[in-house]
Amino acid sequence: MKKTFKNKDILVTGGCGSIGSELIRQLLTYKPKRIRVFDQNESGQFHLQKNLKSSCIRSLVGNIRDKERVKRAMDGVDIVFHAAALKHVPLCEYNPFEAVYTNVFGTQNLIDAAREEGVSKFISISTDKAVNPINTMGATKLLMEKLVTNANIGKSKTKFACVRFGNVLASEGSVMPFFKKQIKEGGPVTITSPEMTRFFMSKKEAINLILKTAKIMNGREIFILKMDSFKIMDLAEIMIEELALKLGHNPKDIKIKIIGIRPGEKINESLITEEEFLNVKKIENMFIIKDQLNIPHSYNINKYQKENSYNSKNIKILNKQEIKELLKTHKLI
């Protein structure tokens, strides 16, 4: 890792978010030459710089929708980590073009600037919602993946790849901080469906996936961590059991309320489509999807029949005791 990042000039878009800021913390340990934090959140920029106290951080206030600003920010950069996006499913449903403008046009602005500036590596962060999307956010992330994995076509010195996340435990905007707030207020804790399952990864696992991708990527791949899943209902019940007393309430007084599926929400998520499984390579604890444009006429019917999806409902679902141990291991309860 040190060889990959030492003395490198690195740009992180969305650097003030929970993933972007933790990525920057980890990158600092590898002694880069410079880390450019590109984010429109002025307050976030101020607090990040104050908390990290590093002389190699450069705070660049800007929006990835602004092509000229992106181009200036990219000047002299070696590696790009693209974490900026509109991520909240219901908000993207009600503001679809804003999601397209940021997640699609903004990504293309970054790709163009990276190619023009001769950036060495470009890693973009995607989501399981890009797999067979039924919502606007997922559809824009799918388009983002297509833009990035095909950005190498033609003359380009830059290697482009994506990482595809499940839900990151306790990240900004995730369900755990939301549940904790509801428990602190005395409930109810709101669940959209008792049957809902989700893939999950810790913040540490998410950052390790990003960094390892930068180290081993060849270009035009999507990297996915092998994950377990859990029922959101089980997570809510455990958080009530473990946190209610600490937050001044009797666990028996905290009720769970079913409120119904939100706009654009799925009951279960998939990390890999049936078609993508045809071109999947497994290494250690990761899946790597090679872009299908590189592999014409590669349909393998035996492989297709043997392994045809990676869905949060049909893989190992943690039981409540396993979820509890997981949360305690990561000091989340």
C-alpha atoms as a PDB file:
ATOM      1  CA  MET A   1       0.000   0.000   0.000  1.00  0.00           C
ATOM      2  CA  LYS A   2       2.793   2.408   0.883  1.00  0.00           C
ATOM      3  CA  LYS A   3       4.323   1.915  -2.558  1.00  0.00           C
ATOM      4  CA  THR A   4       0.950   2.687  -4.156  1.00  0.00           C
ATOM      5  CA  PHE A   5       0.297   5.947  -2.288  1.00  0.00           C
ATOM      6  CA  LYS A   6       3.613   7.311  -0.972  1.00  0.00           C
ATOM      7  CA  ASN A   7       4.500  10.725  -2.465  1.00  0.00           C
ATOM      8  CA  LYS A   8       1.386  10.600  -4.674  1.00  0.00           C
ATOM      9  CA  ASP A   9      -0.901  13.559  -5.342  1.00  0.00           C
ATOM     10  CA  ILE A  10      -4.407  12.270  -4.546  1.00  0.00           C
ATOM     11  CA  LEU A  11      -7.837  13.798  -5.169  1.00  0.00           C
ATOM     12  CA  VAL A  12     -10.844  12.632  -3.102  1.00  0.00           C
ATOM     13  CA  THR A  13     -14.269  13.873  -4.226  1.00  0.00           C
ATOM     14  CA  GLY A  14     -16.932  13.923  -1.530  1.00  0.00           C
ATOM     15  CA  GLY A  15     -14.074  13.975   0.955  1.00  0.00           C
ATOM     16  CA  CYS A  16     -16.182  15.430   3.781  1.00  0.00           C
ATOM     17  CA  GLY A  17     -18.615  12.496   3.840  1.00  0.00           C
ATOM     18  CA  SER A  18     -18.277   9.534   6.198  1.00  0.00           C
ATOM     19  CA  ILE A  19     -16.515   7.322   3.623  1.00  0.00           C
ATOM     20  CA  GLY A  20     -14.466  10.114   2.041  1.00  0.00           C
ATOM     21  CA  SER A  21     -13.182  11.446   5.360  1.00  0.00           C
ATOM     22  CA  GLU A  22     -12.247   7.985   6.677  1.00  0.00           C
ATOM     23  CA  LEU A  23     -10.503   7.240   3.371  1.00  0.00           C
ATOM     24  CA  ILE A  24      -8.445  10.412   3.811  1.00  0.00           C
ATOM     25  CA  ARG A  25      -7.490   9.390   7.378  1.00  0.00           C
ATOM     26  CA  GLN A  26      -6.217   6.052   6.103  1.00  0.00           C
ATOM     27  CA  LEU A  27      -4.382   7.571   3.131  1.00  0.00           C
ATOM     28  CA  LEU A  28      -2.471   9.914   5.442  1.00  0.00           C
ATOM     29  CA  THR A  29      -0.764   6.893   7.047  1.00  0.00           C
ATOM     30  CA  TYR A  30       0.899   6.100   3.691  1.00  0.00           C
ATOM     31  CA  LYS A  31       2.603   9.509   3.476  1.00  0.00           C
ATOM     32  CA  PRO A  32       1.165  10.890   0.221  1.00  0.00           C
ATOM     33  CA  LYS A  33       2.593  14.084  -1.230  1.00  0.00           C
ATOM     34  CA  ARG A  34      -0.797  15.813  -1.144  1.00  0.00           C
ATOM     35  CA  ILE A  35      -4.481  14.988  -0.628  1.00  0.00           C
ATOM     36  CA  ARG A  36      -6.933  17.322  -2.335  1.00  0.00           C
ATOM     37  CA  VAL A  37     -10.330  17.214  -0.646  1.00  0.00           C
ATOM     38  CA  PHE A  38     -12.917  18.196  -3.257  1.00  0.00           C
ATOM     39  CA  ASP A  39     -16.301  18.910  -1.669  1.00  0.00           C
ATOM     40  CA  GLN A  40     -18.910  21.678  -1.766  1.00  0.00           C
ATOM     41  CA  ASN A  41     -19.491  21.384   2.000  1.00  0.00           C
ATOM     42  CA  GLU A  42     -17.610  24.423   3.330  1.00  0.00           C
ATOM     43  CA  SER A  43     -18.268  23.608   6.994  1.00  0.00           C
ATOM     44  CA  GLY A  44     -17.262  20.007   6.402  1.00  0.00           C
ATOM     45  CA  GLN A  45     -13.994  21.176   4.829  1.00  0.00           C
ATOM     46  CA  PHE A  46     -13.261  23.392   7.836  1.00  0.00           C
ATOM     47  CA  HIS A  47     -13.930  20.657  10.412  1.00  0.00           C
ATOM     48  CA  LEU A  48     -12.041  17.977   8.464  1.00  0.00           C
ATOM     49  CA  GLN A  49      -8.931  20.137   8.234  1.00  0.00           C
ATOM     50  CA  LYS A  50      -9.206  21.061  11.909  1.00  0.00           C
ATOM     51  CA  ASN A  51      -9.618  17.433  13.010  1.00  0.00           C
ATOM     52  CA  LEU A  52      -6.887  15.904  10.853  1.00  0.00           C
ATOM     53  CA  LYS A  53      -4.304  18.680  11.294  1.00  0.00           C
ATOM     54  CA  SER A  54      -2.234  17.566   8.313  1.00  0.00           C
ATOM     55  CA  SER A  55      -0.070  19.882   6.233  1.00  0.00           C
ATOM     56  CA  CYS A  56      -0.591  17.781   3.098  1.00  0.00           C
ATOM     57  CA  ILE A  57      -4.384  18.345   2.950  1.00  0.00           C
ATOM     58  CA  ARG A  58      -5.696  20.884   0.449  1.00  0.00           C
ATOM     59  CA  SER A  59      -9.345  21.921   0.834  1.00  0.00           C
ATOM     60  CA  LEU A  60     -10.941  22.528  -2.567  1.00  0.00           C
ATOM     61  CA  VAL A  61     -14.489  23.848  -2.329  1.00  0.00           C
ATOM     62  CA  GLY A  62     -16.365  22.939  -5.495  1.00  0.00           C
ATOM     63  CA  ASN A  63     -19.071  20.868  -7.157  1.00  0.00           C
ATOM     64  CA  ILE A  64     -18.367  18.012  -9.573  1.00  0.00           C
ATOM     65  CA  ARG A  65     -21.115  19.453 -11.806  1.00  0.00           C
ATOM     66  CA  ASP A  66     -18.755  22.364 -12.576  1.00  0.00           C
ATOM     67  CA  LYS A  67     -16.510  21.070 -15.364  1.00  0.00           C
ATOM     68  CA  GLU A  68     -14.014  23.939 -15.254  1.00  0.00           C
ATOM     69  CA  ARG A  69     -13.634  23.695 -11.474  1.00  0.00           C
ATOM     70  CA  VAL A  70     -13.096  19.945 -11.754  1.00  0.00           C
ATOM     71  CA  LYS A  71     -10.444  20.450 -14.428  1.00  0.00           C
ATOM     72  CA  ARG A  72      -8.511  22.924 -12.272  1.00  0.00           C
ATOM     73  CA  ALA A  73      -8.740  20.617  -9.263  1.00  0.00           C
ATOM     74  CA  MET A  74      -7.359  17.685 -11.293  1.00  0.00           C
ATOM     75  CA  ASP A  75      -4.173  19.443 -12.448  1.00  0.00           C
ATOM     76  CA  GLY A  76      -1.159  17.300 -11.519  1.00  0.00           C
ATOM     77  CA  VAL A  77      -3.136  14.561  -9.743  1.00  0.00           C
ATOM     78  CA  ASP A  78      -1.884  10.942  -9.715  1.00  0.00           C
ATOM     79  CA  ILE A  79      -4.877   9.078  -8.215  1.00  0.00           C
ATOM     80  CA  VAL A  80      -8.589   9.961  -7.983  1.00  0.00           C
ATOM     81  CA  PHE A  81     -11.063   8.482  -5.492  1.00  0.00           C
ATOM     82  CA  HIS A  82     -14.585   9.498  -6.519  1.00  0.00           C
ATOM     83  CA  ALA A  83     -17.002   9.347  -3.559  1.00  0.00           C
ATOM     84  CA  ALA A  84     -19.178  12.405  -4.299  1.00  0.00           C
ATOM     85  CA  ALA A  85     -22.798  11.575  -5.132  1.00  0.00           C
ATOM     86  CA  LEU A  86     -26.446  12.094  -4.312  1.00  0.00           C
ATOM     87  CA  LYS A  87     -27.125   8.920  -2.318  1.00  0.00           C
ATOM     88  CA  HIS A  88     -30.526   9.082  -0.589  1.00  0.00           C
ATOM     89  CA  VAL A  89     -33.056   6.961  -2.471  1.00  0.00           C
ATOM     90  CA  PRO A  90     -36.289   8.902  -1.668  1.00  0.00           C
ATOM     91  CA  LEU A  91     -34.667  12.298  -2.331  1.00  0.00           C
ATOM     92  CA  CYS A  92     -33.374  11.099  -5.694  1.00  0.00           C
ATOM     93  CA  GLU A  93     -36.870   9.798  -6.535  1.00  0.00           C
ATOM     94  CA  TYR A  94     -38.351  13.255  -5.966  1.00  0.00           C
ATOM     95  CA  ASN A  95     -35.423  15.078  -7.624  1.00  0.00           C
ATOM     96  CA  PRO A  96     -34.446  12.740 -10.469  1.00  0.00           C
ATOM     97  CA  PHE A  97     -32.636  15.192 -12.720  1.00  0.00           C
ATOM     98  CA  GLU A  98     -30.565  16.489  -9.818  1.00  0.00           C
ATOM     99  CA  ALA A  99     -29.425  12.894  -9.267  1.00  0.00           C
ATOM    100  CA  VAL A 100     -28.600  12.553 -12.975  1.00  0.00           C
ATOM    101  CA  TYR A 101     -26.802  15.894 -12.988  1.00  0.00           C
ATOM    102  CA  THR A 102     -24.529  14.942 -10.083  1.00  0.00           C
ATOM    103  CA  ASN A 103     -24.092  11.172 -10.382  1.00  0.00           C
ATOM    104  CA  VAL A 104     -23.892  10.963 -14.184  1.00  0.00           C
ATOM    105  CA  PHE A 105     -22.816  14.340 -15.605  1.00  0.00           C
ATOM    106  CA  GLY A 106     -20.591  15.032 -12.589  1.00  0.00           C
ATOM    107  CA  THR A 107     -18.843  11.674 -13.019  1.00  0.00           C
ATOM    108  CA  GLN A 108     -18.297  12.332 -16.728  1.00  0.00           C
ATOM    109  CA  ASN A 109     -16.723  15.697 -15.865  1.00  0.00           C
ATOM    110  CA  LEU A 110     -14.254  13.882 -13.623  1.00  0.00           C
ATOM    111  CA  ILE A 111     -13.531  11.231 -16.250  1.00  0.00           C
ATOM    112  CA  ASP A 112     -12.838  13.857 -18.919  1.00  0.00           C
ATOM    113  CA  ALA A 113     -10.529  15.803 -16.609  1.00  0.00           C
ATOM    114  CA  ALA A 114      -8.693  12.626 -15.512  1.00  0.00           C
ATOM    115  CA  ARG A 115      -8.057  11.595 -19.125  1.00  0.00           C
ATOM    116  CA  GLU A 116      -6.918  15.070 -20.134  1.00  0.00           C
ATOM    117  CA  GLU A 117      -4.566  15.393 -17.154  1.00  0.00           C
ATOM    118  CA  GLY A 118      -3.121  11.881 -17.548  1.00  0.00           C
ATOM    119  CA  VAL A 119      -4.154  10.690 -14.080  1.00  0.00           C
ATOM    120  CA  SER A 120      -2.736   7.252 -13.295  1.00  0.00           C
ATOM    121  CA  LYS A 121      -5.715   5.615 -11.493  1.00  0.00           C
ATOM    122  CA  PHE A 122      -9.384   6.518 -11.054  1.00  0.00           C
ATOM    123  CA  ILE A 123     -11.536   4.586  -8.560  1.00  0.00           C
ATOM    124  CA  SER A 124     -15.254   5.341  -8.272  1.00  0.00           C
ATOM    125  CA  ILE A 125     -17.545   4.212  -5.450  1.00  0.00           C
ATOM    126  CA  SER A 126     -20.812   2.532  -6.425  1.00  0.00           C
ATOM    127  CA  THR A 127     -23.580   0.689  -4.582  1.00  0.00           C
ATOM    128  CA  ASP A 128     -25.591  -2.536  -4.654  1.00  0.00           C
ATOM    129  CA  LYS A 129     -28.535  -0.367  -5.730  1.00  0.00           C
ATOM    130  CA  ALA A 130     -26.909  -0.199  -9.187  1.00  0.00           C
ATOM    131  CA  VAL A 131     -27.739  -3.904  -9.645  1.00  0.00           C
ATOM    132  CA  ASN A 132     -31.059  -4.326 -11.507  1.00  0.00           C
ATOM    133  CA  PRO A 133     -32.083  -0.828 -10.343  1.00  0.00           C
ATOM    134  CA  ILE A 134     -35.697   0.068  -9.646  1.00  0.00           C
ATOM    135  CA  ASN A 135     -34.975   3.558  -8.321  1.00  0.00           C
ATOM    136  CA  THR A 136     -33.437   6.740  -9.713  1.00  0.00           C
ATOM    137  CA  MET A 137     -30.388   6.637  -7.459  1.00  0.00           C
ATOM    138  CA  GLY A 138     -29.597   3.055  -8.496  1.00  0.00           C
ATOM    139  CA  ALA A 139     -30.117   3.865 -12.179  1.00  0.00           C
ATOM    140  CA  THR A 140     -27.727   6.827 -11.995  1.00  0.00           C
ATOM    141  CA  LYS A 141     -25.147   4.688 -10.202  1.00  0.00           C
ATOM    142  CA  LEU A 142     -25.475   2.011 -12.905  1.00  0.00           C
ATOM    143  CA  LEU A 143     -24.811   4.672 -15.539  1.00  0.00           C
ATOM    144  CA  MET A 144     -21.876   5.898 -13.463  1.00  0.00           C
ATOM    145  CA  GLU A 145     -20.414   2.374 -13.451  1.00  0.00           C
ATOM    146  CA  LYS A 146     -20.821   2.141 -17.234  1.00  0.00           C
ATOM    147  CA  LEU A 147     -19.128   5.503 -17.760  1.00  0.00           C
ATOM    148  CA  VAL A 148     -16.194   4.590 -15.537  1.00  0.00           C
ATOM    149  CA  THR A 149     -15.595   1.015 -16.729  1.00  0.00           C
ATOM    150  CA  ASN A 150     -15.701   2.131 -20.368  1.00  0.00           C
ATOM    151  CA  ALA A 151     -13.614   5.277 -19.897  1.00  0.00           C
ATOM    152  CA  ASN A 152     -10.466   3.392 -20.982  1.00  0.00           C
ATOM    153  CA  ILE A 153     -11.787   2.956 -24.519  1.00  0.00           C
ATOM    154  CA  GLY A 154      -9.611   4.912 -26.958  1.00  0.00           C
ATOM    155  CA  LYS A 155      -6.303   6.514 -26.096  1.00  0.00           C
ATOM    156  CA  SER A 156      -6.135   6.870 -22.341  1.00  0.00           C
ATOM    157  CA  LYS A 157      -3.260   6.565 -19.928  1.00  0.00           C
ATOM    158  CA  THR A 158      -5.683   6.422 -16.988  1.00  0.00           C
ATOM    159  CA  LYS A 159      -6.874   3.125 -15.483  1.00  0.00           C
ATOM    160  CA  PHE A 160     -10.535   3.278 -14.395  1.00  0.00           C
ATOM    161  CA  ALA A 161     -12.338   0.934 -11.987  1.00  0.00           C
ATOM    162  CA  CYS A 162     -15.289   0.835  -9.558  1.00  0.00           C
ATOM    163  CA  VAL A 163     -15.944  -0.607  -6.133  1.00  0.00           C
ATOM    164  CA  ARG A 164     -19.506  -1.691  -5.361  1.00  0.00           C
ATOM    165  CA  PHE A 165     -20.613  -1.322  -1.737  1.00  0.00           C
ATOM    166  CA  GLY A 166     -23.328  -2.825   0.395  1.00  0.00           C
ATOM    167  CA  ASN A 167     -24.577  -0.808   3.386  1.00  0.00           C
ATOM    168  CA  VAL A 168     -21.739   0.624   5.468  1.00  0.00           C
ATOM    169  CA  LEU A 169     -22.472   0.175   9.175  1.00  0.00           C
ATOM    170  CA  ALA A 170     -22.988   3.461  11.055  1.00  0.00           C
ATOM    171  CA  SER A 171     -22.050   5.623   8.063  1.00  0.00           C
ATOM    172  CA  GLU A 172     -23.661   9.022   7.577  1.00  0.00           C
ATOM    173  CA  GLY A 173     -27.255   8.616   6.381  1.00  0.00           C
ATOM    174  CA  SER A 174     -27.345   4.884   7.193  1.00  0.00           C
ATOM    175  CA  VAL A 175     -30.028   3.245   9.304  1.00  0.00           C
ATOM    176  CA  MET A 176     -28.009   2.792  12.513  1.00  0.00           C
ATOM    177  CA  PRO A 177     -27.647   6.501  13.449  1.00  0.00           C
ATOM    178  CA  PHE A 178     -31.333   6.915  12.547  1.00  0.00           C
ATOM    179  CA  PHE A 179     -32.396   4.061  14.849  1.00  0.00           C
ATOM    180  CA  LYS A 180     -30.174   5.365  17.649  1.00  0.00           C
ATOM    181  CA  LYS A 181     -31.793   8.802  17.399  1.00  0.00           C
ATOM    182  CA  GLN A 182     -35.279   7.264  17.553  1.00  0.00           C
ATOM    183  CA  ILE A 183     -34.321   5.152  20.595  1.00  0.00           C
ATOM    184  CA  LYS A 184     -32.890   8.219  22.333  1.00  0.00           C
ATOM    185  CA  GLU A 185     -36.191  10.016  21.746  1.00  0.00           C
ATOM    186  CA  GLY A 186     -38.159   7.123  23.269  1.00  0.00           C
ATOM    187  CA  GLY A 187     -39.322   5.570  19.994  1.00  0.00           C
ATOM    188  CA  PRO A 188     -40.992   4.376  17.999  1.00  0.00           C
ATOM    189  CA  VAL A 189     -38.263   2.846  15.851  1.00  0.00           C
ATOM    190  CA  THR A 190     -39.610   2.854  12.287  1.00  0.00           C
ATOM    191  CA  ILE A 191     -39.116  -0.096   9.923  1.00  0.00           C
ATOM    192  CA  THR A 192     -40.287  -0.095   6.328  1.00  0.00           C
ATOM    193  CA  SER A 193     -40.754  -3.894   6.136  1.00  0.00           C
ATOM    194  CA  PRO A 194     -40.114  -6.754   8.605  1.00  0.00           C
ATOM    195  CA  GLU A 195     -38.824  -8.871   5.686  1.00  0.00           C
ATOM    196  CA  MET A 196     -36.199  -6.388   4.483  1.00  0.00           C
ATOM    197  CA  THR A 197     -32.617  -7.707   4.215  1.00  0.00           C
ATOM    198  CA  ARG A 198     -29.423  -5.807   3.434  1.00  0.00           C
ATOM    199  CA  PHE A 199     -25.777  -6.534   2.722  1.00  0.00           C
ATOM    200  CA  PHE A 200     -23.452  -4.844   5.176  1.00  0.00           C
ATOM    201  CA  MET A 201     -19.798  -4.007   5.617  1.00  0.00           C
ATOM    202  CA  SER A 202     -17.914  -2.136   8.312  1.00  0.00           C
ATOM    203  CA  LYS A 203     -16.336   1.219   7.536  1.00  0.00           C
ATOM    204  CA  LYS A 204     -12.908  -0.411   7.898  1.00  0.00           C
ATOM    205  CA  GLU A 205     -13.833  -3.109   5.355  1.00  0.00           C
ATOM    206  CA  ALA A 206     -15.157  -0.446   2.967  1.00  0.00           C
ATOM    207  CA  ILE A 207     -11.914   1.562   3.115  1.00  0.00           C
ATOM    208  CA  ASN A 208      -9.771  -1.572   2.770  1.00  0.00           C
ATOM    209  CA  LEU A 209     -11.732  -2.526  -0.364  1.00  0.00           C
ATOM    210  CA  ILE A 210     -11.103   0.907  -1.905  1.00  0.00           C
ATOM    211  CA  LEU A 211      -7.383   0.884  -1.079  1.00  0.00           C
ATOM    212  CA  LYS A 212      -6.861  -2.691  -2.262  1.00  0.00           C
ATOM    213  CA  THR A 213      -8.659  -1.875  -5.504  1.00  0.00           C
ATOM    214  CA  ALA A 214      -6.214   0.981  -6.128  1.00  0.00           C
ATOM    215  CA  LYS A 215      -3.328  -1.431  -5.552  1.00  0.00           C
ATOM    216  CA  ILE A 216      -4.400  -4.371  -7.759  1.00  0.00           C
ATOM    217  CA  MET A 217      -6.648  -2.839 -10.450  1.00  0.00           C
ATOM    218  CA  ASN A 218      -5.844  -3.234 -14.129  1.00  0.00           C
ATOM    219  CA  GLY A 219      -8.747  -1.114 -15.394  1.00  0.00           C
ATOM    220  CA  ARG A 220     -12.355  -1.738 -16.469  1.00  0.00           C
ATOM    221  CA  GLU A 221     -13.243  -3.820 -13.380  1.00  0.00           C
ATOM    222  CA  ILE A 222     -15.835  -3.671 -10.619  1.00  0.00           C
ATOM    223  CA  PHE A 223     -14.578  -4.878  -7.214  1.00  0.00           C
ATOM    224  CA  ILE A 224     -17.027  -6.298  -4.660  1.00  0.00           C
ATOM    225  CA  LEU A 225     -16.386  -7.501  -1.117  1.00  0.00           C
ATOM    226  CA  LYS A 226     -17.919 -10.856  -0.179  1.00  0.00           C
ATOM    227  CA  MET A 227     -20.521  -9.925   2.440  1.00  0.00           C
ATOM    228  CA  ASP A 228     -23.097 -11.428   4.741  1.00  0.00           C
ATOM    229  CA  SER A 229     -26.548  -9.910   5.200  1.00  0.00           C
ATOM    230  CA  PHE A 230     -29.024  -9.352   8.015  1.00  0.00           C
ATOM    231  CA  LYS A 231     -32.666  -8.499   8.526  1.00  0.00           C
ATOM    232  CA  ILE A 232     -33.232  -4.842   9.334  1.00  0.00           C
ATOM    233  CA  MET A 233     -35.868  -5.916  11.871  1.00  0.00           C
ATOM    234  CA  ASP A 234     -33.254  -7.975  13.772  1.00  0.00           C
ATOM    235  CA  LEU A 235     -30.874  -5.001  13.768  1.00  0.00           C
ATOM    236  CA  ALA A 236     -33.568  -2.713  15.201  1.00  0.00           C
ATOM    237  CA  GLU A 237     -34.478  -5.172  17.961  1.00  0.00           C
ATOM    238  CA  ILE A 238     -30.832  -5.620  18.978  1.00  0.00           C
ATOM    239  CA  MET A 239     -30.191  -1.883  19.047  1.00  0.00           C
ATOM    240  CA  ILE A 240     -33.232  -1.395  21.300  1.00  0.00           C
ATOM    241  CA  GLU A 241     -32.052  -4.182  23.646  1.00  0.00           C
ATOM    242  CA  GLU A 242     -28.503  -2.841  23.852  1.00  0.00           C
ATOM    243  CA  LEU A 243     -28.972   0.945  23.744  1.00  0.00           C
ATOM    244  CA  ALA A 244     -32.311   1.802  25.380  1.00  0.00           C
ATOM    245  CA  LEU A 245     -31.066   1.667  28.987  1.00  0.00           C
ATOM    246  CA  LYS A 246     -27.883   3.546  28.090  1.00  0.00           C
ATOM    247  CA  LEU A 247     -30.033   6.272  26.527  1.00  0.00           C
ATOM    248  CA  GLY A 248     -32.401   6.524  29.499  1.00  0.00           C
ATOM    249  CA  HIS A 249     -35.309   4.290  28.459  1.00  0.00           C
ATOM    250  CA  ASN A 250     -36.751   0.890  29.318  1.00  0.00           C
ATOM    251  CA  PRO A 251     -36.278  -1.405  26.288  1.00  0.00           C
ATOM    252  CA  LYS A 252     -39.859  -2.661  26.739  1.00  0.00           C
ATOM    253  CA  ASP A 253     -41.162   0.891  26.215  1.00  0.00           C
ATOM    254  CA  ILE A 254     -39.501   1.305  22.802  1.00  0.00           C
ATOM    255  CA  LYS A 255     -41.931   0.103  20.153  1.00  0.00           C
ATOM    256  CA  ILE A 256     -41.226  -0.842  16.538  1.00  0.00           C
ATOM    257  CA  LYS A 257     -43.552   0.671  13.947  1.00  0.00           C
ATOM    258  CA  ILE A 258     -43.924  -0.691  10.400  1.00  0.00           C
ATOM    259  CA  ILE A 259     -44.326   2.273   8.030  1.00  0.00           C
ATOM    260  CA  GLY A 260     -44.213   0.609   4.585  1.00  0.00           C
ATOM    261  CA  ILE A 261     -41.745   0.643   1.713  1.00  0.00           C
ATOM    262  CA  ARG A 262     -40.397   4.069   0.753  1.00  0.00           C
ATOM    263  CA  PRO A 263     -40.396   5.297  -2.877  1.00  0.00           C
ATOM    264  CA  GLY A 264     -37.855   3.315  -4.918  1.00  0.00           C
ATOM    265  CA  GLU A 265     -36.937   0.901  -2.104  1.00  0.00           C
ATOM    266  CA  LYS A 266     -36.327  -2.859  -2.503  1.00  0.00           C
ATOM    267  CA  ILE A 267     -37.090  -5.610   0.005  1.00  0.00           C
ATOM    268  CA  ASN A 268     -33.788  -7.370  -0.833  1.00  0.00           C
ATOM    269  CA  GLU A 269     -30.654  -6.165  -2.614  1.00  0.00           C
ATOM    270  CA  SER A 270     -28.344  -7.889  -5.094  1.00  0.00           C
ATOM    271  CA  LEU A 271     -24.604  -7.321  -5.452  1.00  0.00           C
ATOM    272  CA  ILE A 272     -24.080  -9.144  -8.762  1.00  0.00           C
ATOM    273  CA  THR A 273     -26.519  -9.761 -11.617  1.00  0.00           C
ATOM    274  CA  GLU A 274     -27.018 -13.131 -13.258  1.00  0.00           C
ATOM    275  CA  GLU A 275     -25.283 -11.850 -16.394  1.00  0.00           C
ATOM    276  CA  GLU A 276     -22.333 -10.425 -14.462  1.00  0.00           C
ATOM    277  CA  PHE A 277     -21.693 -13.817 -12.872  1.00  0.00           C
ATOM    278  CA  LEU A 278     -20.557 -15.015 -16.301  1.00  0.00           C
ATOM    279  CA  ASN A 279     -17.489 -12.781 -16.023  1.00  0.00           C
ATOM    280  CA  VAL A 280     -16.727 -12.916 -12.304  1.00  0.00           C
ATOM    281  CA  LYS A 281     -13.324 -13.789 -10.887  1.00  0.00           C
ATOM    282  CA  LYS A 282     -13.014 -14.691  -7.199  1.00  0.00           C
ATOM    283  CA  ILE A 283      -9.914 -13.809  -5.184  1.00  0.00           C
ATOM    284  CA  GLU A 284      -9.648 -14.134  -1.413  1.00  0.00           C
ATOM    285  CA  ASN A 285     -12.675 -12.263  -0.013  1.00  0.00           C
ATOM    286  CA  MET A 286     -13.528 -10.377  -3.205  1.00  0.00           C
ATOM    287  CA  PHE A 287     -15.383 -10.703  -6.488  1.00  0.00           C
ATOM    288  CA  ILE A 288     -13.984  -8.928  -9.541  1.00  0.00           C
ATOM    289  CA  ILE A 289     -16.284  -8.304 -12.510  1.00  0.00           C
ATOM    290  CA  LYS A 290     -14.466  -7.747 -15.793  1.00  0.00           C
ATOM    291  CA  ASP A 291     -16.247  -5.515 -18.280  1.00  0.00           C
ATOM    292  CA  GLN A 292     -18.207  -7.633 -20.753  1.00  0.00           C
ATOM    293  CA  LEU A 293     -17.128  -5.542 -23.744  1.00  0.00           C
ATOM    294  CA  ASN A 294     -13.696  -7.125 -23.305  1.00  0.00           C
ATOM    295  CA  ILE A 295     -15.095 -10.676 -23.444  1.00  0.00           C
ATOM    296  CA  PRO A 296     -17.280 -11.170 -26.556  1.00  0.00           C
ATOM    297  CA  HIS A 297     -19.245 -14.421 -27.032  1.00  0.00           C
ATOM    298  CA  SER A 298     -18.233 -15.714 -23.576  1.00  0.00           C
ATOM    299  CA  TYR A 299     -21.588 -17.176 -22.540  1.00  0.00           C
ATOM    300  CA  ASN A 300     -20.943 -20.142 -20.227  1.00  0.00           C
ATOM    301  CA  ILE A 301     -24.234 -21.969 -19.704  1.00  0.00           C
ATOM    302  CA  ASN A 302     -22.876 -24.286 -16.976  1.00  0.00           C
ATOM    303  CA  LYS A 303     -21.548 -21.386 -14.923  1.00  0.00           C
ATOM    304  CA  TYR A 304     -24.789 -19.477 -15.499  1.00  0.00           C
ATOM    305  CA  GLN A 305     -26.913 -22.340 -14.164  1.00  0.00           C
ATOM    306  CA  LYS A 306     -24.643 -23.048 -11.194  1.00  0.00           C
ATOM    307  CA  GLU A 307     -24.375 -19.527  -9.800  1.00  0.00           C
ATOM    308  CA  ASN A 308     -26.934 -17.032 -10.984  1.00  0.00           C
ATOM    309  CA  SER A 309     -27.220 -14.284  -8.367  1.00  0.00           C
ATOM    310  CA  TYR A 310     -25.767 -12.775  -5.220  1.00  0.00           C
ATOM    311  CA  ASN A 311     -28.814 -11.580  -3.329  1.00  0.00           C
ATOM    312  CA  SER A 312     -29.124 -10.518   0.315  1.00  0.00           C
ATOM    313  CA  LYS A 313     -31.998 -13.005   0.729  1.00  0.00           C
ATOM    314  CA  ASN A 314     -30.285 -16.157  -0.576  1.00  0.00           C
ATOM    315  CA  ILE A 315     -26.845 -15.918   1.067  1.00  0.00           C
ATOM    316  CA  LYS A 316     -25.963 -16.359   4.741  1.00  0.00           C
ATOM    317  CA  ILE A 317     -28.216 -14.145   6.885  1.00  0.00           C
ATOM    318  CA  LEU A 318     -26.748 -13.477  10.314  1.00  0.00           C
ATOM    319  CA  ASN A 319     -28.857 -14.404  13.303  1.00  0.00           C
ATOM    320  CA  LYS A 320     -29.428 -11.940  16.148  1.00  0.00           C
ATOM    321  CA  GLN A 321     -26.543 -13.213  18.270  1.00  0.00           C
ATOM    322  CA  GLU A 322     -24.147 -12.912  15.327  1.00  0.00           C
ATOM    323  CA  ILE A 323     -25.353  -9.361  14.618  1.00  0.00           C
ATOM    324  CA  LYS A 324     -24.876  -8.445  18.274  1.00  0.00           C
ATOM    325  CA  GLU A 325     -21.308  -9.807  18.285  1.00  0.00           C
ATOM    326  CA  LEU A 326     -20.560  -7.958  15.046  1.00  0.00           C
ATOM    327  CA  LEU A 327     -21.758  -4.613  16.420  1.00  0.00           C
ATOM    328  CA  LYS A 328     -19.795  -5.117  19.638  1.00  0.00           C
ATOM    329  CA  THR A 329     -16.651  -6.025  17.685  1.00  0.00           C
ATOM    330  CA  HIS A 330     -16.858  -2.732  15.792  1.00  0.00           C
ATOM    331  CA  LYS A 331     -17.834  -0.837  18.974  1.00  0.00           C
ATOM    332  CA  LEU A 332     -21.169   0.262  17.496  1.00  0.00           C
ATOM    333  CA  ILE A 333     -23.260  -0.631  20.564  1.00  0.00           C
END
